[in-house]
Amino acid sequence: MSFTIRKALPQDFEAAHQLIRELAEYENAAEEVELTLEDFTQDGTANPPAFHLHVAVNQNEQVIGMALYYVIYSTWKGQIVYLDDLVVTKDYRRSGLGTQLLSEVIKFARERRARQLRWHVLDWNEPAINLYKKIGVKIESEWDTCKMTLAQMDNYEGL
């Protein structure tokens, strides 16, 4: 299988948005996707962009994978690169594409002198967990993710 990894171009956003929907379906959470293609494109092409996006394309320039990430800041570590999603379309899984996309994010983190690269993985996603363990990633179980929806923030009145 032949593919190329590159920074996303504006014309890639529609296919990347479709990959996000494909991932949500894989994770049994399709109804959770609120992000519109318009907002995704606007956020990704803003100056500065809200996120960085690398895509993998096949020989026909069809988007077959993506890595979406951004910089956050930690009071303990300093700069951290947060990998929000790494997605490879079904036909290209187990081709090494995911590892190569992750390598691009690691390269970016090194260039930024980030002290850490961080992401989440679902506890039932064994193929991803096995890949991460194979490359030496520490998977922490002592931290729980906290989320507050837009509706919850809008209704928040303090304590």
C-alpha atoms as a PDB file:
ATOM      1  CA  MET A   1       0.000   0.000   0.000  1.00  0.00           C
ATOM      2  CA  SER A   2       1.375   3.327  -1.048  1.00  0.00           C
ATOM      3  CA  PHE A   3       0.591   6.545   0.796  1.00  0.00           C
ATOM      4  CA  THR A   4       2.023   9.973   1.579  1.00  0.00           C
ATOM      5  CA  ILE A   5       1.702  11.968   4.789  1.00  0.00           C
ATOM      6  CA  ARG A   6       1.526  15.749   4.582  1.00  0.00           C
ATOM      7  CA  LYS A   7       0.051  18.811   6.255  1.00  0.00           C
ATOM      8  CA  ALA A   8      -3.603  19.128   5.412  1.00  0.00           C
ATOM      9  CA  LEU A   9      -4.703  21.498   2.678  1.00  0.00           C
ATOM     10  CA  PRO A  10      -8.063  23.322   2.776  1.00  0.00           C
ATOM     11  CA  GLN A  11      -9.472  20.842   0.258  1.00  0.00           C
ATOM     12  CA  ASP A  12      -8.691  17.983   2.697  1.00  0.00           C
ATOM     13  CA  PHE A  13     -11.029  19.179   5.433  1.00  0.00           C
ATOM     14  CA  GLU A  14     -14.168  17.562   4.063  1.00  0.00           C
ATOM     15  CA  ALA A  15     -12.521  14.125   3.882  1.00  0.00           C
ATOM     16  CA  ALA A  16     -10.957  14.620   7.332  1.00  0.00           C
ATOM     17  CA  HIS A  17     -14.377  15.539   8.720  1.00  0.00           C
ATOM     18  CA  GLN A  18     -15.724  12.311   7.242  1.00  0.00           C
ATOM     19  CA  LEU A  19     -12.923  10.377   8.996  1.00  0.00           C
ATOM     20  CA  ILE A  20     -14.005  11.981  12.280  1.00  0.00           C
ATOM     21  CA  ARG A  21     -17.516  10.670  11.664  1.00  0.00           C
ATOM     22  CA  GLU A  22     -16.112   7.236  10.767  1.00  0.00           C
ATOM     23  CA  LEU A  23     -14.166   7.167  14.033  1.00  0.00           C
ATOM     24  CA  ALA A  24     -17.249   8.165  16.021  1.00  0.00           C
ATOM     25  CA  GLU A  25     -19.162   5.293  14.451  1.00  0.00           C
ATOM     26  CA  TYR A  26     -16.311   2.881  15.287  1.00  0.00           C
ATOM     27  CA  GLU A  27     -16.445   4.114  18.880  1.00  0.00           C
ATOM     28  CA  ASN A  28     -20.244   3.659  18.996  1.00  0.00           C
ATOM     29  CA  ALA A  29     -20.714   7.392  19.512  1.00  0.00           C
ATOM     30  CA  ALA A  30     -21.870   8.757  16.139  1.00  0.00           C
ATOM     31  CA  GLU A  31     -24.547  10.881  17.836  1.00  0.00           C
ATOM     32  CA  GLU A  32     -21.841  12.682  19.839  1.00  0.00           C
ATOM     33  CA  VAL A  33     -20.368  14.482  16.798  1.00  0.00           C
ATOM     34  CA  GLU A  34     -21.580  18.085  16.946  1.00  0.00           C
ATOM     35  CA  LEU A  35     -18.791  19.573  14.843  1.00  0.00           C
ATOM     36  CA  THR A  36     -19.993  20.793  11.456  1.00  0.00           C
ATOM     37  CA  LEU A  37     -17.790  20.735   8.385  1.00  0.00           C
ATOM     38  CA  GLU A  38     -18.100  24.527   8.217  1.00  0.00           C
ATOM     39  CA  ASP A  39     -16.859  24.999  11.797  1.00  0.00           C
ATOM     40  CA  PHE A  40     -14.108  22.413  11.328  1.00  0.00           C
ATOM     41  CA  THR A  41     -12.847  24.145   8.183  1.00  0.00           C
ATOM     42  CA  GLN A  42     -13.083  27.599   9.733  1.00  0.00           C
ATOM     43  CA  ASP A  43     -11.238  26.498  12.892  1.00  0.00           C
ATOM     44  CA  GLY A  44      -8.548  24.704  10.895  1.00  0.00           C
ATOM     45  CA  THR A  45      -7.893  27.589   8.522  1.00  0.00           C
ATOM     46  CA  ALA A  46      -8.117  30.435  11.060  1.00  0.00           C
ATOM     47  CA  ASN A  47      -5.058  32.571  11.750  1.00  0.00           C
ATOM     48  CA  PRO A  48      -3.773  31.057  13.957  1.00  0.00           C
ATOM     49  CA  PRO A  49      -5.525  27.719  13.418  1.00  0.00           C
ATOM     50  CA  ALA A  50      -7.205  26.044  16.402  1.00  0.00           C
ATOM     51  CA  PHE A  51      -5.397  22.804  15.602  1.00  0.00           C
ATOM     52  CA  HIS A  52      -2.772  21.167  13.405  1.00  0.00           C
ATOM     53  CA  LEU A  53      -3.775  18.466  10.959  1.00  0.00           C
ATOM     54  CA  HIS A  54      -1.701  15.956   9.048  1.00  0.00           C
ATOM     55  CA  VAL A  55      -3.368  13.704   6.520  1.00  0.00           C
ATOM     56  CA  ALA A  56      -2.319  10.528   4.790  1.00  0.00           C
ATOM     57  CA  VAL A  57      -3.284  10.288   1.142  1.00  0.00           C
ATOM     58  CA  ASN A  58      -3.128   7.369  -1.252  1.00  0.00           C
ATOM     59  CA  GLN A  59      -1.758   7.527  -4.797  1.00  0.00           C
ATOM     60  CA  ASN A  60      -5.102   9.041  -5.948  1.00  0.00           C
ATOM     61  CA  GLU A  61      -4.785  11.868  -3.363  1.00  0.00           C
ATOM     62  CA  GLN A  62      -7.700  10.368  -1.415  1.00  0.00           C
ATOM     63  CA  VAL A  63      -7.462  11.062   2.336  1.00  0.00           C
ATOM     64  CA  ILE A  64      -7.077   7.714   4.116  1.00  0.00           C
ATOM     65  CA  GLY A  65      -5.896   8.825   7.546  1.00  0.00           C
ATOM     66  CA  MET A  66      -5.342  11.836   9.755  1.00  0.00           C
ATOM     67  CA  ALA A  67      -3.774  13.078  12.970  1.00  0.00           C
ATOM     68  CA  LEU A  68      -5.304  16.144  14.628  1.00  0.00           C
ATOM     69  CA  TYR A  69      -3.330  17.759  17.462  1.00  0.00           C
ATOM     70  CA  TYR A  70      -2.688  21.040  19.245  1.00  0.00           C
ATOM     71  CA  VAL A  71      -0.503  22.575  21.945  1.00  0.00           C
ATOM     72  CA  ILE A  72      -1.692  22.854  25.536  1.00  0.00           C
ATOM     73  CA  TYR A  73       0.153  24.092  28.595  1.00  0.00           C
ATOM     74  CA  SER A  74       0.813  22.336  31.881  1.00  0.00           C
ATOM     75  CA  THR A  75       1.810  24.035  35.110  1.00  0.00           C
ATOM     76  CA  TRP A  76       4.010  21.021  35.839  1.00  0.00           C
ATOM     77  CA  LYS A  77       5.461  20.333  32.393  1.00  0.00           C
ATOM     78  CA  GLY A  78       5.178  23.429  30.212  1.00  0.00           C
ATOM     79  CA  GLN A  79       4.238  22.807  26.587  1.00  0.00           C
ATOM     80  CA  ILE A  80       2.394  19.578  25.858  1.00  0.00           C
ATOM     81  CA  VAL A  81       1.179  18.421  22.472  1.00  0.00           C
ATOM     82  CA  TYR A  82      -2.242  16.851  22.735  1.00  0.00           C
ATOM     83  CA  LEU A  83      -3.154  14.336  20.052  1.00  0.00           C
ATOM     84  CA  ASP A  84      -6.922  14.593  19.836  1.00  0.00           C
ATOM     85  CA  ASP A  85      -7.495  11.992  17.148  1.00  0.00           C
ATOM     86  CA  LEU A  86      -5.498   9.556  15.077  1.00  0.00           C
ATOM     87  CA  VAL A  87      -7.721   7.943  12.463  1.00  0.00           C
ATOM     88  CA  VAL A  88      -6.943   5.460   9.714  1.00  0.00           C
ATOM     89  CA  THR A  89      -9.700   4.381   7.376  1.00  0.00           C
ATOM     90  CA  LYS A  90     -10.637   0.724   7.682  1.00  0.00           C
ATOM     91  CA  ASP A  91      -8.945  -0.486   4.470  1.00  0.00           C
ATOM     92  CA  TYR A  92      -5.563   0.930   5.549  1.00  0.00           C
ATOM     93  CA  ARG A  93      -5.437  -0.241   9.164  1.00  0.00           C
ATOM     94  CA  ARG A  94      -2.443  -2.458   9.992  1.00  0.00           C
ATOM     95  CA  SER A  95      -0.469  -0.933   7.099  1.00  0.00           C
ATOM     96  CA  GLY A  96       1.882   1.110   9.291  1.00  0.00           C
ATOM     97  CA  LEU A  97      -0.003   4.274   8.455  1.00  0.00           C
ATOM     98  CA  GLY A  98      -1.051   4.981  12.059  1.00  0.00           C
ATOM     99  CA  THR A  99       2.531   4.679  13.248  1.00  0.00           C
ATOM    100  CA  GLN A 100       3.711   7.071  10.540  1.00  0.00           C
ATOM    101  CA  LEU A 101       1.023   9.609  11.421  1.00  0.00           C
ATOM    102  CA  LEU A 102       2.035   9.354  15.075  1.00  0.00           C
ATOM    103  CA  SER A 103       5.654   9.886  14.030  1.00  0.00           C
ATOM    104  CA  GLU A 104       4.668  13.208  12.398  1.00  0.00           C
ATOM    105  CA  VAL A 105       3.045  14.344  15.639  1.00  0.00           C
ATOM    106  CA  ILE A 106       6.145  13.293  17.616  1.00  0.00           C
ATOM    107  CA  LYS A 107       8.301  15.254  15.178  1.00  0.00           C
ATOM    108  CA  PHE A 108       6.120  18.330  15.711  1.00  0.00           C
ATOM    109  CA  ALA A 109       6.299  17.908  19.508  1.00  0.00           C
ATOM    110  CA  ARG A 110      10.093  17.672  19.367  1.00  0.00           C
ATOM    111  CA  GLU A 111      10.305  20.791  17.200  1.00  0.00           C
ATOM    112  CA  ARG A 112       8.130  22.670  19.729  1.00  0.00           C
ATOM    113  CA  ARG A 113      10.325  21.366  22.556  1.00  0.00           C
ATOM    114  CA  ALA A 114       7.180  19.985  24.172  1.00  0.00           C
ATOM    115  CA  ARG A 115       7.810  18.095  27.381  1.00  0.00           C
ATOM    116  CA  GLN A 116       5.097  15.569  26.704  1.00  0.00           C
ATOM    117  CA  LEU A 117       2.795  14.128  24.073  1.00  0.00           C
ATOM    118  CA  ARG A 118      -0.554  13.168  25.511  1.00  0.00           C
ATOM    119  CA  TRP A 119      -3.726  11.493  24.240  1.00  0.00           C
ATOM    120  CA  HIS A 120      -6.601   9.251  25.306  1.00  0.00           C
ATOM    121  CA  VAL A 121      -7.464   5.731  24.200  1.00  0.00           C
ATOM    122  CA  LEU A 122     -10.673   3.849  24.931  1.00  0.00           C
ATOM    123  CA  ASP A 123     -10.068   0.932  27.280  1.00  0.00           C
ATOM    124  CA  TRP A 124     -11.684  -1.514  24.818  1.00  0.00           C
ATOM    125  CA  ASN A 125      -9.669  -0.409  21.760  1.00  0.00           C
ATOM    126  CA  GLU A 126      -7.183  -3.281  21.926  1.00  0.00           C
ATOM    127  CA  PRO A 127      -5.565  -2.724  18.499  1.00  0.00           C
ATOM    128  CA  ALA A 128      -4.647   0.849  19.484  1.00  0.00           C
ATOM    129  CA  ILE A 129      -3.571  -0.127  22.997  1.00  0.00           C
ATOM    130  CA  ASN A 130      -1.342  -2.886  21.609  1.00  0.00           C
ATOM    131  CA  LEU A 131       0.280  -0.451  19.170  1.00  0.00           C
ATOM    132  CA  TYR A 132       0.926   2.085  21.928  1.00  0.00           C
ATOM    133  CA  LYS A 133       2.402  -0.528  24.250  1.00  0.00           C
ATOM    134  CA  LYS A 134       4.593  -1.845  21.422  1.00  0.00           C
ATOM    135  CA  ILE A 135       6.195   1.583  20.995  1.00  0.00           C
ATOM    136  CA  GLY A 136       6.662   2.052  24.746  1.00  0.00           C
ATOM    137  CA  VAL A 137       3.818   4.415  25.619  1.00  0.00           C
ATOM    138  CA  LYS A 138       2.803   4.595  29.273  1.00  0.00           C
ATOM    139  CA  ILE A 139      -0.958   4.153  29.605  1.00  0.00           C
ATOM    140  CA  GLU A 140      -2.115   5.736  32.849  1.00  0.00           C
ATOM    141  CA  SER A 141      -5.220   4.476  34.586  1.00  0.00           C
ATOM    142  CA  GLU A 142      -5.148   6.709  37.640  1.00  0.00           C
ATOM    143  CA  TRP A 143      -6.499   9.805  35.844  1.00  0.00           C
ATOM    144  CA  ASP A 144     -10.185  10.212  35.023  1.00  0.00           C
ATOM    145  CA  THR A 145     -11.333  12.512  32.231  1.00  0.00           C
ATOM    146  CA  CYS A 146     -13.674  15.326  33.273  1.00  0.00           C
ATOM    147  CA  LYS A 147     -16.010  16.874  30.696  1.00  0.00           C
ATOM    148  CA  MET A 148     -18.458  19.744  30.804  1.00  0.00           C
ATOM    149  CA  THR A 149     -20.817  20.203  27.860  1.00  0.00           C
ATOM    150  CA  LEU A 150     -21.789  23.536  26.335  1.00  0.00           C
ATOM    151  CA  ALA A 151     -25.231  23.217  27.942  1.00  0.00           C
ATOM    152  CA  GLN A 152     -23.639  22.546  31.328  1.00  0.00           C
ATOM    153  CA  MET A 153     -21.379  25.588  30.960  1.00  0.00           C
ATOM    154  CA  ASP A 154     -24.318  27.749  29.882  1.00  0.00           C
ATOM    155  CA  ASN A 155     -26.284  26.622  32.951  1.00  0.00           C
ATOM    156  CA  TYR A 156     -23.357  27.002  35.371  1.00  0.00           C
ATOM    157  CA  GLU A 157     -24.059  29.609  38.042  1.00  0.00           C
ATOM    158  CA  GLY A 158     -21.165  28.934  40.355  1.00  0.00           C
ATOM    159  CA  LEU A 159     -21.279  27.383  43.769  1.00  0.00           C
END
